[in-house]
Amino acid sequence: MKSLGIVRKVDHLGRIVIPKELRNSMSIDQGDPIEIFVEDDRIILRKYQVNRACFITGDVMDENKQLSNGLYISPRGAKILIEQLKDFT
C-alpha cells in the first residue's frame, strides 16, 4: 500500500472528505456507493460494483462484460456459450 501523503480530519459527525483528485482518478462520482472493509488496523474504502457474476460460470472478474439484457458474461462463459450455440444449429 502506498501513501499519498494526504491527511484528513474526521468531523463531529464522523465524516471524512475524499480529495477531488483521488475521486476523479478512481472514477468516484457524487452519490456512488462505497464499500467499507476492515483489515487488521486498516479501513479500506472501495467503489462498490454490482456483483458482476457470469450467468454461465458464476465467475466474478473485471473482464466480465455486461450484455444488453443486463446479465454479465465472463470470457470462459462466452467460450462455453459459443460452443453450445454451434451445437444448437
N, C-alpha and C. Protein backbone atom coordinates (compact mmCIF):
# COMPACT_ATOMS: atom_id res chain seq x y z
N MET A 1 0.86 -1.16 0.00
CA MET A 1 0.00 0.00 0.00
C MET A 1 0.90 1.22 0.00
N LYS A 2 0.58 2.17 -0.90
CA LYS A 2 1.44 3.36 -0.96
C LYS A 2 0.73 4.55 -0.34
N SER A 3 1.49 5.37 0.34
CA SER A 3 0.96 6.56 0.98
C SER A 3 0.92 7.70 -0.03
N LEU A 4 -0.18 8.44 -0.03
CA LEU A 4 -0.31 9.60 -0.91
C LEU A 4 0.05 10.89 -0.20
N GLY A 5 0.33 10.79 1.10
CA GLY A 5 0.68 11.97 1.86
C GLY A 5 -0.51 12.88 2.14
N ILE A 6 -1.71 12.34 2.04
CA ILE A 6 -2.92 13.11 2.28
C ILE A 6 -3.45 12.77 3.67
N VAL A 7 -3.73 13.79 4.46
CA VAL A 7 -4.28 13.60 5.80
C VAL A 7 -5.57 14.39 5.90
N ARG A 8 -6.62 13.77 6.41
CA ARG A 8 -7.90 14.44 6.61
C ARG A 8 -8.37 14.19 8.04
N LYS A 9 -9.04 15.18 8.62
CA LYS A 9 -9.59 15.03 9.96
C LYS A 9 -11.03 14.53 9.86
N VAL A 10 -11.43 13.77 10.85
CA VAL A 10 -12.81 13.30 10.96
C VAL A 10 -13.62 14.42 11.61
N ASP A 11 -14.77 14.77 11.00
CA ASP A 11 -15.58 15.85 11.59
C ASP A 11 -16.46 15.32 12.72
N HIS A 12 -17.26 16.20 13.33
CA HIS A 12 -18.05 15.82 14.51
C HIS A 12 -19.13 14.79 14.20
N LEU A 13 -19.44 14.57 12.91
CA LEU A 13 -20.41 13.54 12.52
C LEU A 13 -19.73 12.25 12.05
N GLY A 14 -18.41 12.20 12.16
CA GLY A 14 -17.66 11.01 11.78
C GLY A 14 -17.33 10.93 10.31
N ARG A 15 -17.45 12.04 9.59
CA ARG A 15 -17.21 12.05 8.15
C ARG A 15 -15.78 12.48 7.83
N ILE A 16 -15.30 12.00 6.70
CA ILE A 16 -14.04 12.48 6.13
C ILE A 16 -14.32 12.85 4.67
N VAL A 17 -13.50 13.70 4.12
CA VAL A 17 -13.63 14.10 2.72
C VAL A 17 -12.55 13.38 1.92
N ILE A 18 -12.97 12.73 0.83
CA ILE A 18 -12.01 12.12 -0.10
C ILE A 18 -11.65 13.21 -1.11
N PRO A 19 -10.37 13.55 -1.22
CA PRO A 19 -9.97 14.64 -2.11
C PRO A 19 -10.47 14.45 -3.55
N LYS A 20 -10.82 15.56 -4.18
CA LYS A 20 -11.38 15.53 -5.53
C LYS A 20 -10.46 14.82 -6.52
N GLU A 21 -9.16 15.09 -6.44
CA GLU A 21 -8.22 14.46 -7.35
C GLU A 21 -8.27 12.94 -7.24
N LEU A 22 -8.39 12.44 -6.01
CA LEU A 22 -8.46 11.00 -5.79
C LEU A 22 -9.79 10.44 -6.29
N ARG A 23 -10.88 11.17 -6.04
CA ARG A 23 -12.19 10.73 -6.55
C ARG A 23 -12.17 10.68 -8.07
N ASN A 24 -11.58 11.69 -8.70
CA ASN A 24 -11.50 11.70 -10.16
C ASN A 24 -10.68 10.53 -10.68
N SER A 25 -9.53 10.28 -10.07
CA SER A 25 -8.66 9.21 -10.55
C SER A 25 -9.27 7.82 -10.34
N MET A 26 -10.18 7.71 -9.36
CA MET A 26 -10.84 6.44 -9.08
C MET A 26 -12.24 6.36 -9.68
N SER A 27 -12.61 7.38 -10.47
CA SER A 27 -13.94 7.46 -11.10
C SER A 27 -15.06 7.33 -10.08
N ILE A 28 -14.93 8.05 -8.98
CA ILE A 28 -15.96 8.08 -7.94
C ILE A 28 -16.72 9.38 -8.09
N ASP A 29 -18.02 9.28 -8.34
CA ASP A 29 -18.86 10.44 -8.53
C ASP A 29 -19.78 10.63 -7.32
N GLN A 30 -20.34 11.83 -7.20
CA GLN A 30 -21.27 12.11 -6.12
C GLN A 30 -22.41 11.09 -6.16
N GLY A 31 -22.72 10.50 -5.03
CA GLY A 31 -23.80 9.53 -4.94
C GLY A 31 -23.39 8.09 -5.17
N ASP A 32 -22.13 7.86 -5.61
CA ASP A 32 -21.67 6.49 -5.82
C ASP A 32 -21.58 5.76 -4.48
N PRO A 33 -22.00 4.50 -4.44
CA PRO A 33 -21.86 3.73 -3.21
C PRO A 33 -20.39 3.32 -2.99
N ILE A 34 -19.96 3.32 -1.74
CA ILE A 34 -18.60 2.96 -1.37
C ILE A 34 -18.67 1.80 -0.38
N GLU A 35 -17.90 0.74 -0.63
CA GLU A 35 -17.81 -0.38 0.30
C GLU A 35 -16.75 -0.06 1.35
N ILE A 36 -16.98 -0.50 2.57
CA ILE A 36 -16.04 -0.28 3.67
C ILE A 36 -15.61 -1.63 4.22
N PHE A 37 -14.31 -1.86 4.27
CA PHE A 37 -13.74 -3.09 4.78
C PHE A 37 -12.79 -2.77 5.93
N VAL A 38 -12.60 -3.72 6.80
CA VAL A 38 -11.61 -3.60 7.87
C VAL A 38 -10.64 -4.77 7.73
N GLU A 39 -9.36 -4.45 7.72
CA GLU A 39 -8.32 -5.47 7.64
C GLU A 39 -7.25 -5.12 8.65
N ASP A 40 -7.14 -5.92 9.70
CA ASP A 40 -6.24 -5.63 10.81
C ASP A 40 -6.55 -4.23 11.35
N ASP A 41 -5.60 -3.30 11.26
CA ASP A 41 -5.82 -1.94 11.78
C ASP A 41 -6.10 -0.95 10.65
N ARG A 42 -6.55 -1.45 9.49
CA ARG A 42 -6.79 -0.59 8.34
C ARG A 42 -8.27 -0.52 8.01
N ILE A 43 -8.71 0.63 7.56
CA ILE A 43 -10.04 0.80 6.99
C ILE A 43 -9.83 0.96 5.49
N ILE A 44 -10.50 0.12 4.72
CA ILE A 44 -10.32 0.12 3.27
C ILE A 44 -11.63 0.57 2.63
N LEU A 45 -11.54 1.57 1.77
CA LEU A 45 -12.70 2.05 1.03
C LEU A 45 -12.55 1.62 -0.42
N ARG A 46 -13.65 1.14 -1.01
CA ARG A 46 -13.61 0.72 -2.41
C ARG A 46 -14.94 1.08 -3.06
N LYS A 47 -14.86 1.58 -4.27
CA LYS A 47 -16.08 1.88 -5.01
C LYS A 47 -16.86 0.58 -5.17
N TYR A 48 -18.13 0.62 -4.76
CA TYR A 48 -18.96 -0.58 -4.83
C TYR A 48 -19.35 -0.86 -6.26
N GLN A 49 -19.19 -2.09 -6.68
CA GLN A 49 -19.62 -2.51 -8.00
C GLN A 49 -20.60 -3.67 -7.85
N VAL A 50 -21.65 -3.59 -8.62
CA VAL A 50 -22.66 -4.64 -8.58
C VAL A 50 -21.98 -5.97 -8.86
N ASN A 51 -22.48 -7.01 -8.20
CA ASN A 51 -21.94 -8.34 -8.43
C ASN A 51 -22.00 -8.64 -9.92
N ARG A 52 -20.86 -8.72 -10.54
CA ARG A 52 -20.78 -8.92 -11.98
C ARG A 52 -20.54 -10.39 -12.30
N ALA A 53 -21.25 -11.27 -11.62
CA ALA A 53 -21.05 -12.70 -11.81
C ALA A 53 -21.56 -13.14 -13.18
N CYS A 54 -20.77 -13.96 -13.84
CA CYS A 54 -21.15 -14.52 -15.13
C CYS A 54 -22.37 -15.42 -14.94
N PHE A 55 -23.37 -15.26 -15.80
CA PHE A 55 -24.59 -16.05 -15.66
C PHE A 55 -24.38 -17.51 -16.07
N ILE A 56 -23.26 -17.82 -16.69
CA ILE A 56 -22.98 -19.20 -17.09
C ILE A 56 -22.05 -19.88 -16.09
N THR A 57 -20.95 -19.22 -15.74
CA THR A 57 -19.92 -19.85 -14.90
C THR A 57 -19.96 -19.40 -13.45
N GLY A 58 -20.54 -18.24 -13.20
CA GLY A 58 -20.52 -17.67 -11.85
C GLY A 58 -19.25 -16.91 -11.54
N ASP A 59 -18.31 -16.86 -12.50
CA ASP A 59 -17.04 -16.14 -12.30
C ASP A 59 -17.31 -14.65 -12.09
N VAL A 60 -16.64 -14.06 -11.09
CA VAL A 60 -16.70 -12.61 -10.87
C VAL A 60 -15.31 -12.08 -11.15
N MET A 61 -15.19 -11.29 -12.21
CA MET A 61 -13.90 -10.76 -12.60
C MET A 61 -14.08 -9.46 -13.37
N ASP A 62 -13.04 -8.65 -13.40
CA ASP A 62 -13.09 -7.36 -14.09
C ASP A 62 -13.32 -7.52 -15.59
N GLU A 63 -12.92 -8.65 -16.15
CA GLU A 63 -13.04 -8.87 -17.59
C GLU A 63 -14.47 -9.17 -18.04
N ASN A 64 -15.38 -9.46 -17.09
CA ASN A 64 -16.76 -9.77 -17.47
C ASN A 64 -17.38 -8.60 -18.20
N LYS A 65 -18.20 -8.90 -19.20
CA LYS A 65 -18.89 -7.88 -20.00
C LYS A 65 -20.39 -7.96 -19.73
N GLN A 66 -21.03 -6.79 -19.70
CA GLN A 66 -22.47 -6.75 -19.50
C GLN A 66 -23.16 -6.85 -20.85
N LEU A 67 -24.13 -7.75 -20.95
CA LEU A 67 -24.91 -7.92 -22.17
C LEU A 67 -26.08 -6.95 -22.17
N SER A 68 -26.75 -6.84 -23.31
CA SER A 68 -27.84 -5.87 -23.46
C SER A 68 -29.01 -6.15 -22.51
N ASN A 69 -29.14 -7.38 -22.03
CA ASN A 69 -30.23 -7.72 -21.11
C ASN A 69 -29.85 -7.52 -19.65
N GLY A 70 -28.64 -6.99 -19.40
CA GLY A 70 -28.20 -6.71 -18.04
C GLY A 70 -27.39 -7.83 -17.41
N LEU A 71 -27.38 -9.00 -18.02
CA LEU A 71 -26.58 -10.11 -17.49
C LEU A 71 -25.11 -9.90 -17.83
N TYR A 72 -24.24 -10.55 -17.05
CA TYR A 72 -22.81 -10.47 -17.30
C TYR A 72 -22.31 -11.81 -17.79
N ILE A 73 -21.28 -11.77 -18.63
CA ILE A 73 -20.67 -12.99 -19.13
C ILE A 73 -19.15 -12.86 -19.05
N SER A 74 -18.51 -13.94 -18.62
CA SER A 74 -17.05 -13.96 -18.50
C SER A 74 -16.46 -14.48 -19.81
N PRO A 75 -15.16 -14.29 -20.02
CA PRO A 75 -14.53 -14.85 -21.22
C PRO A 75 -14.73 -16.37 -21.32
N ARG A 76 -14.62 -17.06 -20.20
CA ARG A 76 -14.82 -18.52 -20.20
C ARG A 76 -16.27 -18.85 -20.51
N GLY A 77 -17.20 -18.07 -19.92
CA GLY A 77 -18.61 -18.28 -20.19
C GLY A 77 -18.95 -18.04 -21.64
N ALA A 78 -18.31 -17.05 -22.27
CA ALA A 78 -18.54 -16.75 -23.68
C ALA A 78 -18.10 -17.93 -24.54
N LYS A 79 -16.95 -18.53 -24.21
CA LYS A 79 -16.48 -19.69 -24.98
C LYS A 79 -17.45 -20.86 -24.85
N ILE A 80 -17.94 -21.09 -23.64
CA ILE A 80 -18.91 -22.17 -23.42
C ILE A 80 -20.18 -21.91 -24.23
N LEU A 81 -20.66 -20.67 -24.19
CA LEU A 81 -21.88 -20.30 -24.91
C LEU A 81 -21.70 -20.47 -26.43
N ILE A 82 -20.55 -20.05 -26.95
CA ILE A 82 -20.28 -20.19 -28.39
C ILE A 82 -20.30 -21.67 -28.78
N GLU A 83 -19.67 -22.52 -27.99
CA GLU A 83 -19.66 -23.97 -28.29
C GLU A 83 -21.06 -24.53 -28.27
N GLN A 84 -21.86 -24.13 -27.29
CA GLN A 84 -23.24 -24.64 -27.22
C GLN A 84 -24.08 -24.13 -28.38
N LEU A 85 -23.85 -22.89 -28.81
CA LEU A 85 -24.58 -22.36 -29.95
C LEU A 85 -24.21 -23.08 -31.24
N LYS A 86 -22.96 -23.49 -31.37
CA LYS A 86 -22.54 -24.28 -32.54
C LYS A 86 -23.31 -25.59 -32.61
N ASP A 87 -23.50 -26.22 -31.46
CA ASP A 87 -24.24 -27.49 -31.40
C ASP A 87 -25.73 -27.27 -31.62
N PHE A 88 -26.21 -26.08 -31.36
CA PHE A 88 -27.63 -25.74 -31.47
C PHE A 88 -28.09 -25.66 -32.92
N THR A 89 -27.19 -25.23 -33.82
CA THR A 89 -27.59 -25.02 -35.21
C THR A 89 -27.41 -26.25 -36.06
